[in-house]
Amino acid sequence: MTEAPGARVGGDRMAETGVTTFEFTIDDLAEVRSLARRAAAGTDLAEQVAVAVSELASNAIRHGGGRGVLTIAPVPGGVRVEVRDWGPGLARGVPTEAPKQLAYGGRGLWIVSKLFPQFVLESSPTGVTASVLLHTPAAPNP
């Protein structure tokens, strides 16, 4: 389903499942961060999640065709926050060392990996999907 950027997609299914899907462009980054903070409500991770999702969304915009999709979905024991793009995929995996101090770019995935060491990154020639799992104290079982 293709929707205008800044649009929530999912309709009635979203209400039934608790899944939020939001297609975004650069103009929507504040809303992306806000949705990420809300996904982390009830935890002490709201700002870390906002930073991580902002980095992932910025990468999607920069390397994935100028847009991406944020999906927030309840899972047993928590919430999965996912960012997807339609770029060419990654030539390299997640950096294991900090980029050089004066390097231009290259920090986003490294920052996310430090905030959420178990984040998942899937790359293919048709795009990248990155997700983090938040363990929440009173997460509903989907």
C-alpha atoms as a PDB file:
ATOM      1  CA  MET A   1       0.000   0.000   0.000  1.00  0.00           C
ATOM      2  CA  THR A   2       1.482   3.338  -1.010  1.00  0.00           C
ATOM      3  CA  GLU A   3       0.337   6.363   0.936  1.00  0.00           C
ATOM      4  CA  ALA A   4       1.421   9.954   1.051  1.00  0.00           C
ATOM      5  CA  PRO A   5       4.355  10.605   3.359  1.00  0.00           C
ATOM      6  CA  GLY A   6       3.220  11.610   6.809  1.00  0.00           C
ATOM      7  CA  ALA A   7       0.268   9.258   6.552  1.00  0.00           C
ATOM      8  CA  ARG A   8      -0.603   6.559   8.999  1.00  0.00           C
ATOM      9  CA  VAL A   9      -1.499   3.419   7.132  1.00  0.00           C
ATOM     10  CA  GLY A  10      -3.324   0.374   8.361  1.00  0.00           C
ATOM     11  CA  GLY A  11      -6.844   1.680   9.014  1.00  0.00           C
ATOM     12  CA  ASP A  12      -9.115  -0.704  10.910  1.00  0.00           C
ATOM     13  CA  ARG A  13      -6.397  -3.355  11.070  1.00  0.00           C
ATOM     14  CA  MET A  14      -4.250  -0.910  13.063  1.00  0.00           C
ATOM     15  CA  ALA A  15      -7.011  -0.522  15.658  1.00  0.00           C
ATOM     16  CA  GLU A  16      -7.452  -4.308  15.912  1.00  0.00           C
ATOM     17  CA  THR A  17      -3.778  -5.218  16.223  1.00  0.00           C
ATOM     18  CA  GLY A  18      -2.233  -2.189  17.921  1.00  0.00           C
ATOM     19  CA  VAL A  19       0.214  -1.834  15.013  1.00  0.00           C
ATOM     20  CA  THR A  20       1.137   1.690  13.935  1.00  0.00           C
ATOM     21  CA  THR A  21       2.580   2.219  10.462  1.00  0.00           C
ATOM     22  CA  PHE A  22       3.770   5.665   9.389  1.00  0.00           C
ATOM     23  CA  GLU A  23       5.300   6.532   6.017  1.00  0.00           C
ATOM     24  CA  PHE A  24       7.718   9.450   6.354  1.00  0.00           C
ATOM     25  CA  THR A  25      10.022  11.882   4.579  1.00  0.00           C
ATOM     26  CA  ILE A  26      12.456  14.408   6.008  1.00  0.00           C
ATOM     27  CA  ASP A  27       9.542  16.706   6.903  1.00  0.00           C
ATOM     28  CA  ASP A  28       8.151  14.047   9.244  1.00  0.00           C
ATOM     29  CA  LEU A  29      11.187  13.331  11.446  1.00  0.00           C
ATOM     30  CA  ALA A  30       9.720  15.115  14.487  1.00  0.00           C
ATOM     31  CA  GLU A  31       6.605  12.928  14.256  1.00  0.00           C
ATOM     32  CA  VAL A  32       8.772   9.807  13.822  1.00  0.00           C
ATOM     33  CA  ARG A  33      10.626  10.679  17.057  1.00  0.00           C
ATOM     34  CA  SER A  34       7.340  11.390  18.843  1.00  0.00           C
ATOM     35  CA  LEU A  35       5.873   8.029  17.817  1.00  0.00           C
ATOM     36  CA  ALA A  36       9.074   6.303  18.963  1.00  0.00           C
ATOM     37  CA  ARG A  37       8.902   8.012  22.375  1.00  0.00           C
ATOM     38  CA  ARG A  38       5.290   6.920  22.766  1.00  0.00           C
ATOM     39  CA  ALA A  39       6.261   3.348  21.897  1.00  0.00           C
ATOM     40  CA  ALA A  40       8.705   3.429  24.819  1.00  0.00           C
ATOM     41  CA  ALA A  41       6.179   4.854  27.297  1.00  0.00           C
ATOM     42  CA  GLY A  42       6.431   3.111  30.633  1.00  0.00           C
ATOM     43  CA  THR A  43      10.148   2.435  30.223  1.00  0.00           C
ATOM     44  CA  ASP A  44      13.249   4.491  30.905  1.00  0.00           C
ATOM     45  CA  LEU A  45      14.230   4.208  27.233  1.00  0.00           C
ATOM     46  CA  ALA A  46      12.088   6.905  25.594  1.00  0.00           C
ATOM     47  CA  GLU A  47      14.975   9.204  24.646  1.00  0.00           C
ATOM     48  CA  GLN A  48      17.255   6.342  23.578  1.00  0.00           C
ATOM     49  CA  VAL A  49      14.484   4.986  21.353  1.00  0.00           C
ATOM     50  CA  ALA A  50      13.868   8.452  19.888  1.00  0.00           C
ATOM     51  CA  VAL A  51      17.576   8.850  19.082  1.00  0.00           C
ATOM     52  CA  ALA A  52      17.876   5.355  17.601  1.00  0.00           C
ATOM     53  CA  VAL A  53      14.752   5.687  15.466  1.00  0.00           C
ATOM     54  CA  SER A  54      15.780   9.181  14.363  1.00  0.00           C
ATOM     55  CA  GLU A  55      19.149   7.808  13.199  1.00  0.00           C
ATOM     56  CA  LEU A  56      17.479   4.919  11.366  1.00  0.00           C
ATOM     57  CA  ALA A  57      14.882   7.201   9.771  1.00  0.00           C
ATOM     58  CA  SER A  58      17.574   9.678   8.714  1.00  0.00           C
ATOM     59  CA  ASN A  59      19.495   6.827   7.086  1.00  0.00           C
ATOM     60  CA  ALA A  60      16.333   5.702   5.283  1.00  0.00           C
ATOM     61  CA  ILE A  61      15.825   9.211   3.931  1.00  0.00           C
ATOM     62  CA  ARG A  62      19.460   9.717   2.959  1.00  0.00           C
ATOM     63  CA  HIS A  63      20.168   6.298   1.470  1.00  0.00           C
ATOM     64  CA  GLY A  64      16.727   4.836   0.768  1.00  0.00           C
ATOM     65  CA  GLY A  65      15.118   7.113  -1.747  1.00  0.00           C
ATOM     66  CA  GLY A  66      14.058  10.005   0.454  1.00  0.00           C
ATOM     67  CA  ARG A  67      11.426   8.165   2.437  1.00  0.00           C
ATOM     68  CA  GLY A  68      10.820   5.248   4.769  1.00  0.00           C
ATOM     69  CA  VAL A  69       8.214   3.499   6.862  1.00  0.00           C
ATOM     70  CA  LEU A  70       8.113   3.310  10.652  1.00  0.00           C
ATOM     71  CA  THR A  71       6.226   0.350  12.098  1.00  0.00           C
ATOM     72  CA  ILE A  72       5.501  -0.052  15.807  1.00  0.00           C
ATOM     73  CA  ALA A  73       4.046  -3.415  16.766  1.00  0.00           C
ATOM     74  CA  PRO A  74       3.281  -5.127  20.064  1.00  0.00           C
ATOM     75  CA  VAL A  75       5.117  -8.416  20.576  1.00  0.00           C
ATOM     76  CA  PRO A  76       5.120 -10.739  23.597  1.00  0.00           C
ATOM     77  CA  GLY A  77       6.849  -8.876  26.424  1.00  0.00           C
ATOM     78  CA  GLY A  78       7.383  -5.651  24.566  1.00  0.00           C
ATOM     79  CA  VAL A  79       7.173  -3.575  21.440  1.00  0.00           C
ATOM     80  CA  ARG A  80       9.070  -3.879  18.145  1.00  0.00           C
ATOM     81  CA  VAL A  81      10.026  -0.602  16.470  1.00  0.00           C
ATOM     82  CA  GLU A  82      11.071  -0.984  12.842  1.00  0.00           C
ATOM     83  CA  VAL A  83      12.279   1.354  10.086  1.00  0.00           C
ATOM     84  CA  ARG A  84      12.232   0.214   6.460  1.00  0.00           C
ATOM     85  CA  ASP A  85      13.488   1.827   3.257  1.00  0.00           C
ATOM     86  CA  TRP A  86      13.768   0.978  -0.439  1.00  0.00           C
ATOM     87  CA  GLY A  87      17.413   1.805  -1.031  1.00  0.00           C
ATOM     88  CA  PRO A  88      20.090  -0.381  -2.613  1.00  0.00           C
ATOM     89  CA  GLY A  89      20.981  -2.151   0.634  1.00  0.00           C
ATOM     90  CA  LEU A  90      24.191  -1.905   2.632  1.00  0.00           C
ATOM     91  CA  ALA A  91      27.628  -2.592   1.242  1.00  0.00           C
ATOM     92  CA  ARG A  92      28.918  -3.250   4.770  1.00  0.00           C
ATOM     93  CA  GLY A  93      27.322  -4.309   8.014  1.00  0.00           C
ATOM     94  CA  VAL A  94      27.091  -2.343  11.227  1.00  0.00           C
ATOM     95  CA  PRO A  95      30.387  -0.709  12.203  1.00  0.00           C
ATOM     96  CA  THR A  96      31.939  -2.323  15.262  1.00  0.00           C
ATOM     97  CA  GLU A  97      34.185   0.637  16.045  1.00  0.00           C
ATOM     98  CA  ALA A  98      33.383   4.319  16.342  1.00  0.00           C
ATOM     99  CA  PRO A  99      33.948   6.271  13.134  1.00  0.00           C
ATOM    100  CA  LYS A 100      36.945   8.576  13.088  1.00  0.00           C
ATOM    101  CA  GLN A 101      36.276  11.849  14.848  1.00  0.00           C
ATOM    102  CA  LEU A 102      36.421  13.954  11.676  1.00  0.00           C
ATOM    103  CA  ALA A 103      34.677  11.437   9.424  1.00  0.00           C
ATOM    104  CA  TYR A 104      31.663  12.710   7.523  1.00  0.00           C
ATOM    105  CA  GLY A 105      28.729  10.491   8.414  1.00  0.00           C
ATOM    106  CA  GLY A 106      28.907   6.832   9.302  1.00  0.00           C
ATOM    107  CA  ARG A 107      27.758   7.201  12.895  1.00  0.00           C
ATOM    108  CA  GLY A 108      24.051   6.347  12.750  1.00  0.00           C
ATOM    109  CA  LEU A 109      24.146   2.551  12.771  1.00  0.00           C
ATOM    110  CA  TRP A 110      27.055   2.574  15.206  1.00  0.00           C
ATOM    111  CA  ILE A 111      25.042   4.767  17.616  1.00  0.00           C
ATOM    112  CA  VAL A 112      21.997   2.490  17.312  1.00  0.00           C
ATOM    113  CA  SER A 113      24.172  -0.577  17.950  1.00  0.00           C
ATOM    114  CA  LYS A 114      25.517   1.010  21.144  1.00  0.00           C
ATOM    115  CA  LEU A 115      22.058   2.014  22.392  1.00  0.00           C
ATOM    116  CA  PHE A 116      20.488  -1.354  21.453  1.00  0.00           C
ATOM    117  CA  PRO A 117      23.184  -4.036  21.041  1.00  0.00           C
ATOM    118  CA  GLN A 118      20.606  -6.588  19.898  1.00  0.00           C
ATOM    119  CA  PHE A 119      19.044  -4.489  17.173  1.00  0.00           C
ATOM    120  CA  VAL A 120      18.369  -6.367  13.940  1.00  0.00           C
ATOM    121  CA  LEU A 121      19.474  -5.142  10.534  1.00  0.00           C
ATOM    122  CA  GLU A 122      18.347  -6.884   7.353  1.00  0.00           C
ATOM    123  CA  SER A 123      19.726  -5.667   4.046  1.00  0.00           C
ATOM    124  CA  SER A 124      18.941  -6.677   0.475  1.00  0.00           C
ATOM    125  CA  PRO A 125      19.210  -5.027  -2.938  1.00  0.00           C
ATOM    126  CA  THR A 126      15.618  -3.829  -2.489  1.00  0.00           C
ATOM    127  CA  GLY A 127      16.056  -2.085   0.847  1.00  0.00           C
ATOM    128  CA  VAL A 128      17.005  -2.173   4.487  1.00  0.00           C
ATOM    129  CA  THR A 129      14.880  -3.031   7.506  1.00  0.00           C
ATOM    130  CA  ALA A 130      16.204  -2.188  10.962  1.00  0.00           C
ATOM    131  CA  SER A 131      14.378  -2.982  14.187  1.00  0.00           C
ATOM    132  CA  VAL A 132      14.794  -2.743  17.926  1.00  0.00           C
ATOM    133  CA  LEU A 133      12.858  -4.648  20.564  1.00  0.00           C
ATOM    134  CA  LEU A 134      11.749  -2.789  23.678  1.00  0.00           C
ATOM    135  CA  HIS A 135      10.948  -4.859  26.717  1.00  0.00           C
ATOM    136  CA  THR A 136       8.076  -3.144  28.481  1.00  0.00           C
ATOM    137  CA  PRO A 137       6.832  -3.864  31.985  1.00  0.00           C
ATOM    138  CA  ALA A 138       3.163  -4.229  31.101  1.00  0.00           C
ATOM    139  CA  ALA A 139       3.247  -5.011  27.387  1.00  0.00           C
ATOM    140  CA  PRO A 140       0.053  -6.584  26.099  1.00  0.00           C
ATOM    141  CA  ASN A 141       0.371  -9.938  24.402  1.00  0.00           C
ATOM    142  CA  PRO A 142      -0.631  -9.582  20.748  1.00  0.00           C
END
